[in-house]
C-alpha atoms as a PDB file:
ATOM      1  CA  MET A   1      44.020 -37.976  44.044  1.00  0.00           C
ATOM      2  CA  PRO A   2      45.051 -39.523  40.694  1.00  0.00           C
ATOM      3  CA  ASP A   3      42.988 -42.537  39.574  1.00  0.00           C
ATOM      4  CA  ILE A   4      44.330 -46.023  39.748  1.00  0.00           C
ATOM      5  CA  GLU A   5      44.549 -46.399  35.960  1.00  0.00           C
ATOM      6  CA  THR A   6      46.907 -43.397  35.787  1.00  0.00           C
ATOM      7  CA  VAL A   7      48.970 -44.397  38.798  1.00  0.00           C
ATOM      8  CA  ASP A   8      49.466 -47.907  37.424  1.00  0.00           C
ATOM      9  CA  THR A   9      51.617 -46.335  34.641  1.00  0.00           C
ATOM     10  CA  TRP A  10      53.838 -44.510  37.129  1.00  0.00           C
ATOM     11  CA  GLN A  11      55.792 -47.533  38.276  1.00  0.00           C
ATOM     12  CA  GLY A  12      59.365 -47.182  37.008  1.00  0.00           C
ATOM     13  CA  ARG A  13      59.065 -43.437  36.360  1.00  0.00           C
ATOM     14  CA  THR A  14      61.117 -40.666  37.960  1.00  0.00           C
ATOM     15  CA  LEU A  15      59.645 -38.826  40.968  1.00  0.00           C
ATOM     16  CA  LEU A  16      60.458 -35.093  41.184  1.00  0.00           C
ATOM     17  CA  ASP A  17      60.118 -32.806  44.212  1.00  0.00           C
ATOM     18  CA  ARG A  18      58.377 -29.435  44.313  1.00  0.00           C
ATOM     19  CA  ASP A  19      61.431 -27.710  42.814  1.00  0.00           C
ATOM     20  CA  GLY A  20      61.757 -30.169  39.993  1.00  0.00           C
ATOM     21  CA  ASP A  21      64.741 -31.999  41.566  1.00  0.00           C
ATOM     22  CA  ARG A  22      64.991 -35.718  41.082  1.00  0.00           C
ATOM     23  CA  ILE A  23      64.045 -37.756  44.159  1.00  0.00           C
ATOM     24  CA  GLY A  24      64.330 -41.282  42.776  1.00  0.00           C
ATOM     25  CA  THR A  25      62.497 -43.984  40.831  1.00  0.00           C
ATOM     26  CA  ILE A  26      59.013 -45.239  41.719  1.00  0.00           C
ATOM     27  CA  ASP A  27      59.443 -48.864  42.620  1.00  0.00           C
ATOM     28  CA  ALA A  28      55.909 -49.829  43.741  1.00  0.00           C
ATOM     29  CA  ILE A  29      52.411 -48.413  44.330  1.00  0.00           C
ATOM     30  CA  TYR A  30      50.585 -49.161  47.595  1.00  0.00           C
ATOM     31  CA  LEU A  31      46.757 -49.197  47.632  1.00  0.00           C
ATOM     32  CA  ASP A  32      44.367 -48.376  50.435  1.00  0.00           C
ATOM     33  CA  ASP A  33      43.150 -51.630  52.060  1.00  0.00           C
ATOM     34  CA  ARG A  34      39.576 -50.477  52.091  1.00  0.00           C
ATOM     35  CA  THR A  35      39.009 -48.510  48.907  1.00  0.00           C
ATOM     36  CA  GLY A  36      41.665 -50.080  46.685  1.00  0.00           C
ATOM     37  CA  GLN A  37      42.746 -46.557  45.671  1.00  0.00           C
ATOM     38  CA  PRO A  38      46.454 -45.605  45.259  1.00  0.00           C
ATOM     39  CA  GLU A  39      47.756 -44.060  48.449  1.00  0.00           C
ATOM     40  CA  TRP A  40      51.557 -44.408  48.699  1.00  0.00           C
ATOM     41  CA  ALA A  41      54.449 -44.663  46.306  1.00  0.00           C
ATOM     42  CA  LEU A  42      57.636 -46.535  47.283  1.00  0.00           C
ATOM     43  CA  VAL A  43      60.556 -44.605  45.829  1.00  0.00           C
ATOM     44  CA  ASN A  44      64.131 -45.849  45.516  1.00  0.00           C
ATOM     45  CA  THR A  45      66.437 -43.072  46.730  1.00  0.00           C
ATOM     46  CA  GLY A  46      70.082 -42.809  47.746  1.00  0.00           C
ATOM     47  CA  LEU A  47      73.163 -43.792  45.823  1.00  0.00           C
ATOM     48  CA  PHE A  48      72.286 -46.495  43.226  1.00  0.00           C
ATOM     49  CA  GLY A  49      68.727 -46.642  44.681  1.00  0.00           C
ATOM     50  CA  THR A  50      69.895 -48.461  47.834  1.00  0.00           C
ATOM     51  CA  LYS A  51      67.239 -46.805  50.029  1.00  0.00           C
ATOM     52  CA  SER A  52      63.470 -46.742  49.805  1.00  0.00           C
ATOM     53  CA  SER A  53      61.055 -44.067  51.052  1.00  0.00           C
ATOM     54  CA  PHE A  54      57.253 -43.866  51.101  1.00  0.00           C
ATOM     55  CA  VAL A  55      55.607 -40.746  49.574  1.00  0.00           C
ATOM     56  CA  PRO A  56      51.876 -39.792  49.732  1.00  0.00           C
ATOM     57  CA  LEU A  57      50.186 -39.741  46.316  1.00  0.00           C
ATOM     58  CA  ALA A  58      47.211 -37.559  47.371  1.00  0.00           C
ATOM     59  CA  GLN A  59      48.645 -34.455  45.612  1.00  0.00           C
ATOM     60  CA  ALA A  60      50.901 -36.129  43.033  1.00  0.00           C
ATOM     61  CA  PHE A  61      50.471 -35.325  39.340  1.00  0.00           C
ATOM     62  CA  GLN A  62      52.130 -36.301  36.099  1.00  0.00           C
ATOM     63  CA  SER A  63      54.254 -33.879  34.076  1.00  0.00           C
ATOM     64  CA  ASP A  64      55.455 -35.273  30.748  1.00  0.00           C
ATOM     65  CA  LEU A  65      57.038 -38.609  31.678  1.00  0.00           C
ATOM     66  CA  ASP A  66      57.773 -37.704  35.301  1.00  0.00           C
ATOM     67  CA  VAL A  67      55.654 -37.544  38.468  1.00  0.00           C
ATOM     68  CA  LEU A  68      55.707 -34.494  40.767  1.00  0.00           C
ATOM     69  CA  VAL A  69      54.891 -34.275  44.447  1.00  0.00           C
ATOM     70  CA  PRO A  70      54.654 -31.067  46.562  1.00  0.00           C
ATOM     71  CA  TYR A  71      57.380 -32.096  48.956  1.00  0.00           C
ATOM     72  CA  ASP A  72      61.056 -31.269  49.347  1.00  0.00           C
ATOM     73  CA  LYS A  73      63.585 -33.884  48.178  1.00  0.00           C
ATOM     74  CA  GLN A  74      65.252 -34.065  51.571  1.00  0.00           C
ATOM     75  CA  LEU A  75      61.958 -34.459  53.361  1.00  0.00           C
ATOM     76  CA  VAL A  76      61.270 -37.602  51.317  1.00  0.00           C
ATOM     77  CA  LYS A  77      64.758 -38.979  51.940  1.00  0.00           C
ATOM     78  CA  ASP A  78      64.316 -38.366  55.706  1.00  0.00           C
ATOM     79  CA  ALA A  79      60.987 -40.241  55.864  1.00  0.00           C
ATOM     80  CA  PRO A  80      60.736 -42.976  58.490  1.00  0.00           C
ATOM     81  CA  ARG A  81      62.138 -46.270  57.249  1.00  0.00           C
ATOM     82  CA  VAL A  82      59.317 -48.803  56.870  1.00  0.00           C
ATOM     83  CA  ASP A  83      59.816 -52.345  55.792  1.00  0.00           C
ATOM     84  CA  PRO A  84      58.300 -52.566  52.237  1.00  0.00           C
ATOM     85  CA  ASP A  85      56.574 -55.908  52.904  1.00  0.00           C
ATOM     86  CA  GLN A  86      53.638 -55.124  50.547  1.00  0.00           C
ATOM     87  CA  HIS A  87      51.543 -53.850  53.507  1.00  0.00           C
ATOM     88  CA  LEU A  88      51.579 -50.805  55.830  1.00  0.00           C
ATOM     89  CA  SER A  89      50.161 -51.032  59.348  1.00  0.00           C
ATOM     90  CA  GLU A  90      48.025 -48.255  60.751  1.00  0.00           C
ATOM     91  CA  ALA A  91      50.880 -47.272  63.123  1.00  0.00           C
ATOM     92  CA  GLU A  92      53.298 -46.998  60.242  1.00  0.00           C
ATOM     93  CA  GLU A  93      50.866 -44.912  58.225  1.00  0.00           C
ATOM     94  CA  ARG A  94      50.316 -42.528  61.126  1.00  0.00           C
ATOM     95  CA  GLN A  95      54.060 -42.101  61.484  1.00  0.00           C
ATOM     96  CA  LEU A  96      54.448 -41.354  57.750  1.00  0.00           C
ATOM     97  CA  TRP A  97      51.530 -38.889  57.701  1.00  0.00           C
ATOM     98  CA  ARG A  98      52.993 -36.982  60.625  1.00  0.00           C
ATOM     99  CA  HIS A  99      56.349 -36.774  58.883  1.00  0.00           C
ATOM    100  CA  TYR A 100      54.780 -35.144  55.848  1.00  0.00           C
ATOM    101  CA  GLY A 101      52.862 -32.671  58.050  1.00  0.00           C
ATOM    102  CA  LEU A 102      49.453 -34.278  57.377  1.00  0.00           C
ATOM    103  CA  ASP A 103      46.790 -35.289  59.868  1.00  0.00           C
ATOM    104  CA  TYR A 104      45.942 -38.960  59.787  1.00  0.00           C
ATOM    105  CA  ASP A 105      42.433 -38.345  61.123  1.00  0.00           C
ATOM    106  CA  THR A 106      41.253 -35.382  59.006  1.00  0.00           C
ATOM    107  CA  THR A 107      38.327 -35.268  56.694  1.00  0.00           C
ATOM    108  CA  ASP A 108      40.612 -34.311  53.790  1.00  0.00           C
ATOM    109  CA  ARG A 109      42.437 -37.624  54.257  1.00  0.00           C
ATOM    110  CA  SER A 110      39.095 -39.449  54.243  1.00  0.00           C
ATOM    111  CA  VAL A 111      38.406 -37.988  50.842  1.00  0.00           C
ATOM    112  CA  ALA A 112      41.848 -38.947  49.585  1.00  0.00           C
ATOM    113  CA  THR A 113      41.939 -42.496  50.904  1.00  0.00           C
ATOM    114  CA  GLY A 114      38.265 -43.436  51.271  1.00  0.00           C
ATOM    115  CA  ARG A 115      38.435 -43.630  55.117  1.00  0.00           C
ATOM    116  CA  ASP A 116      35.962 -41.594  57.233  1.00  0.00           C
ATOM    117  CA  ALA A 117      37.601 -40.709  60.549  1.00  0.00           C
ATOM    118  CA  THR A 118      34.893 -38.214  61.644  1.00  0.00           C
ATOM    119  CA  SER A 119      32.184 -38.961  64.197  1.00  0.00           C
ATOM    120  CA  ARG A 120      29.310 -37.748  62.037  1.00  0.00           C
ATOM    121  CA  ALA A 121      26.520 -40.243  61.262  1.00  0.00           C
ATOM    122  CA  ARG A 122      26.629 -41.865  57.857  1.00  0.00           C
ATOM    123  CA  VAL A 123      23.365 -41.540  56.086  1.00  0.00           C
ATOM    124  CA  GLY A 124      24.326 -41.978  52.457  1.00  0.00           C
ATOM    125  CA  ARG A 125      25.872 -44.714  50.362  1.00  0.00           C
ATOM    126  CA  ASP A 126      28.376 -44.383  47.559  1.00  0.00           C
ATOM    127  CA  THR A 127      27.428 -46.856  44.871  1.00  0.00           C
ATOM    128  CA  SER A 128      31.086 -47.314  43.958  1.00  0.00           C
ATOM    129  CA  GLY A 129      32.500 -47.403  47.513  1.00  0.00           C
ATOM    130  CA  PRO A 130      31.794 -47.094  51.220  1.00  0.00           C
ATOM    131  CA  THR A 131      28.928 -45.373  53.039  1.00  0.00           C
ATOM    132  CA  THR A 132      29.099 -41.575  53.103  1.00  0.00           C
ATOM    133  CA  ASP A 133      27.447 -38.739  55.029  1.00  0.00           C
ATOM    134  CA  ASP A 134      24.471 -36.646  53.937  1.00  0.00           C
ATOM    135  CA  ALA A 135      26.401 -34.850  51.162  1.00  0.00           C
ATOM    136  CA  MET A 136      28.246 -35.823  48.080  1.00  0.00           C
ATOM    137  CA  THR A 137      31.238 -34.369  46.376  1.00  0.00           C
ATOM    138  CA  ARG A 138      31.187 -33.164  42.792  1.00  0.00           C
ATOM    139  CA  SER A 139      34.548 -33.248  41.191  1.00  0.00           C
ATOM    140  CA  GLU A 140      36.048 -31.990  37.958  1.00  0.00           C
ATOM    141  CA  GLU A 141      39.358 -32.392  36.320  1.00  0.00           C
ATOM    142  CA  GLU A 142      41.519 -29.282  36.244  1.00  0.00           C
ATOM    143  CA  LEU A 143      44.501 -28.757  34.017  1.00  0.00           C
ATOM    144  CA  ARG A 144      47.681 -28.113  35.902  1.00  0.00           C
ATOM    145  CA  VAL A 145      50.163 -26.554  33.524  1.00  0.00           C
ATOM    146  CA  GLY A 146      53.669 -25.659  34.508  1.00  0.00           C
ATOM    147  CA  THR A 147      57.294 -26.369  33.813  1.00  0.00           C
ATOM    148  CA  THR A 148      59.881 -28.551  35.507  1.00  0.00           C
ATOM    149  CA  GLN A 149      63.626 -28.358  35.253  1.00  0.00           C
ATOM    150  CA  ARG A 150      65.688 -31.383  34.453  1.00  0.00           C
ATOM    151  CA  GLU A 151      69.246 -31.987  33.387  1.00  0.00           C
ATOM    152  CA  ARG A 152      69.347 -32.448  29.614  1.00  0.00           C
ATOM    153  CA  GLY A 153      73.087 -32.454  29.038  1.00  0.00           C
ATOM    154  CA  ARG A 154      76.433 -31.154  30.210  1.00  0.00           C
ATOM    155  CA  VAL A 155      78.923 -28.902  28.425  1.00  0.00           C
ATOM    156  CA  ARG A 156      82.586 -29.193  29.358  1.00  0.00           C
ATOM    157  CA  LEU A 157      85.132 -26.509  28.315  1.00  0.00           C
ATOM    158  CA  ARG A 158      88.525 -28.163  28.080  1.00  0.00           C
ATOM    159  CA  LYS A 159      91.867 -26.686  27.114  1.00  0.00           C
ATOM    160  CA  TYR A 160      94.603 -28.984  25.749  1.00  0.00           C
ATOM    161  CA  VAL A 161      98.125 -28.534  24.365  1.00  0.00           C
ATOM    162  CA  THR A 162      99.194 -29.255  20.818  1.00  0.00           C
ATOM    163  CA  THR A 163     102.696 -29.223  19.367  1.00  0.00           C
ATOM    164  CA  GLU A 164     103.365 -27.482  16.085  1.00  0.00           C
ATOM    165  CA  HIS A 165     106.732 -27.729  14.288  1.00  0.00           C
ATOM    166  CA  VAL A 166     107.757 -24.367  12.790  1.00  0.00           C
ATOM    167  CA  GLU A 167     110.543 -23.881  10.221  1.00  0.00           C
ATOM    168  CA  GLN A 168     111.924 -20.471   9.369  1.00  0.00           C
ATOM    169  CA  ALA A 169     114.967 -19.334   7.317  1.00  0.00           C
ATOM    170  CA  ILE A 170     117.243 -16.946   9.210  1.00  0.00           C
ATOM    171  CA  PRO A 171     120.047 -15.025   7.371  1.00  0.00           C
ATOM    172  CA  VAL A 172     123.369 -15.408   9.250  1.00  0.00           C
ATOM    173  CA  ARG A 173     126.374 -13.153   8.587  1.00  0.00           C
ATOM    174  CA  ARG A 174     130.028 -14.231   9.000  1.00  0.00           C
ATOM    175  CA  GLU A 175     133.281 -12.284   8.710  1.00  0.00           C
ATOM    176  CA  ARG A 176     135.917 -13.680   6.344  1.00  0.00           C
ATOM    177  CA  VAL A 177     139.519 -12.594   5.691  1.00  0.00           C
ATOM    178  CA  ARG A 178     141.465 -12.251   2.452  1.00  0.00           C
ATOM    179  CA  VAL A 179     144.874 -11.055   1.560  1.00  0.00           C
ATOM    180  CA  GLU A 180     145.137  -8.068  -0.807  1.00  0.00           C
ATOM    181  CA  ARG A 181     148.440  -7.152  -2.321  1.00  0.00           C
ATOM    182  CA  GLU A 182     149.139  -3.663  -3.713  1.00  0.00           C
ATOM    183  CA  PRO A 183     152.245  -2.328  -5.397  1.00  0.00           C
ATOM    184  CA  ILE A 184     154.437   0.429  -3.851  1.00  0.00           C
ATOM    185  CA  THR A 185     153.457   3.781  -5.214  1.00  0.00           C
ATOM    186  CA  ASP A 186     154.220   7.392  -4.341  1.00  0.00           C
ATOM    187  CA  ALA A 187     151.018   7.429  -2.349  1.00  0.00           C
ATOM    188  CA  ASN A 188     151.954   4.590   0.051  1.00  0.00           C
ATOM    189  CA  LEU A 189     155.731   4.825  -0.071  1.00  0.00           C
ATOM    190  CA  ASP A 190     156.054   6.563   3.306  1.00  0.00           C
ATOM    191  CA  ALA A 191     153.802   3.986   5.063  1.00  0.00           C
ATOM    192  CA  ALA A 192     155.657   1.106   3.456  1.00  0.00           C
ATOM    193  CA  THR A 193     159.184   2.324   4.451  1.00  0.00           C
ATOM    194  CA  SER A 194     158.330   3.629   7.957  1.00  0.00           C
ATOM    195  CA  GLY A 195     159.694   0.519   9.685  1.00  0.00           C
ATOM    196  CA  PRO A 196     163.006  -1.346   9.616  1.00  0.00           C
ATOM    197  CA  ASP A 197     164.304  -2.517   6.317  1.00  0.00           C
ATOM    198  CA  ILE A 198     164.245  -6.223   7.229  1.00  0.00           C
ATOM    199  CA  SER A 199     162.071  -7.508  10.113  1.00  0.00           C
ATOM    200  CA  GLU A 200     159.532 -10.130  11.216  1.00  0.00           C
ATOM    201  CA  GLU A 201     155.957  -9.097  11.964  1.00  0.00           C
ATOM    202  CA  GLU A 202     152.682 -10.751  12.842  1.00  0.00           C
ATOM    203  CA  HIS A 203     149.186  -9.338  12.690  1.00  0.00           C
ATOM    204  CA  GLU A 204     146.077 -10.914  14.244  1.00  0.00           C
ATOM    205  CA  VAL A 205     142.503 -10.252  13.078  1.00  0.00           C
ATOM    206  CA  VAL A 206     139.411 -11.278  15.107  1.00  0.00           C
ATOM    207  CA  LEU A 207     136.606 -12.693  12.917  1.00  0.00           C
ATOM    208  CA  HIS A 208     132.950 -12.538  13.968  1.00  0.00           C
ATOM    209  CA  GLU A 209     129.858 -14.379  12.870  1.00  0.00           C
ATOM    210  CA  GLU A 210     126.108 -14.363  13.668  1.00  0.00           C
ATOM    211  CA  GLN A 211     124.484 -17.439  15.216  1.00  0.00           C
ATOM    212  CA  PRO A 212     120.758 -18.175  15.138  1.00  0.00           C
ATOM    213  CA  VAL A 213     119.000 -17.931  18.560  1.00  0.00           C
ATOM    214  CA  VAL A 214     115.620 -19.601  19.201  1.00  0.00           C
ATOM    215  CA  GLU A 215     113.468 -18.379  22.093  1.00  0.00           C
ATOM    216  CA  LYS A 216     109.882 -19.330  22.891  1.00  0.00           C
ATOM    217  CA  ARG A 217     107.443 -17.055  24.773  1.00  0.00           C
ATOM    218  CA  VAL A 218     103.952 -17.838  26.048  1.00  0.00           C
ATOM    219  CA  MET A 219     101.549 -15.118  24.900  1.00  0.00           C
ATOM    220  CA  PRO A 220      97.874 -14.920  25.949  1.00  0.00           C
ATOM    221  CA  LYS A 221      95.594 -14.929  22.862  1.00  0.00           C
ATOM    222  CA  GLU A 222      91.952 -14.905  23.952  1.00  0.00           C
ATOM    223  CA  ARG A 223      89.456 -15.723  26.743  1.00  0.00           C
ATOM    224  CA  ILE A 224      86.705 -18.273  26.204  1.00  0.00           C
ATOM    225  CA  GLU A 225      83.621 -18.599  28.400  1.00  0.00           C
ATOM    226  CA  VAL A 226      80.590 -20.917  28.340  1.00  0.00           C
ATOM    227  CA  HIS A 227      77.131 -19.433  29.009  1.00  0.00           C
ATOM    228  CA  ASP A 228      73.796 -21.270  29.079  1.00  0.00           C
ATOM    229  CA  GLN A 229      70.938 -19.767  27.185  1.00  0.00           C
ATOM    230  CA  ASN A 230      67.282 -20.310  28.186  1.00  0.00           C
ATOM    231  CA  THR A 231      64.794 -20.675  25.390  1.00  0.00           C
ATOM    232  CA  THR A 232      61.055 -20.491  25.961  1.00  0.00           C
ATOM    233  CA  GLY A 233      58.584 -22.461  23.905  1.00  0.00           C
ATOM    234  CA  GLY A 234      54.797 -22.319  24.047  1.00  0.00           C
ATOM    235  CA  ARG A 235      52.531 -25.312  24.467  1.00  0.00           C
ATOM    236  CA  ARG A 236      48.748 -25.343  24.317  1.00  0.00           C
ATOM    237  CA  GLU A 237      46.674 -27.680  26.512  1.00  0.00           C
ATOM    238  CA  ARG A 238      43.019 -28.566  26.605  1.00  0.00           C
ATOM    239  CA  ARG A 239      40.870 -28.812  29.677  1.00  0.00           C
ATOM    240  CA  ARG A 240      38.385 -31.625  30.121  1.00  0.00           C
ATOM    241  CA  ARG A 241      35.498 -31.386  32.587  1.00  0.00           C
ATOM    242  CA  ARG A 242      33.117 -33.921  33.897  1.00  0.00           C
END
């Protein structure tokens, strides 16, 4: 069970489930009526924090700036709805303990909350709290080191279209006609006098030219993929005992 000085700093922090998924924001801390020790956290869940759920703090611990509990996110969200009126009745606590699979009347819970639900005689007295049995508990702090996963950013791969104006010089060929005159010689005399002496004639010549043609084709160039890369960094911790 974390001490009250530590838990006092948890209000407003993010609560994570056992897999490191975000459950919600810790809105308030509820103390045990008898011992004054922190016992429940009221967590805002749902869209925009519109719902509230109670979570036991017996096994909660802090990791960096977040608080982790050994429960599934959906289990917390499905917890019985209790009116957060700054006080929990015994019936409401029993209902919540059953929901989280814990026994309201076990000795382990007595250690966690300061309530002794066993029938053994109390023969000792805790100078800082209630009467105890004939034994005492020696405790020590243990370092719990691990990692949690959180979303640190998003990468979006987006393809967009740009327009580029291209200019290119294209040579174009055209046919032209010209009249060439040649004198009558012995070489062309027969061709020149093969027809009638006087006549009318007309000759037609078809001219051709090249015209530029522009055609665009879509050609695949490359494939682009996005991969995440995990990096591992070491961190050393110290252990304090008492």
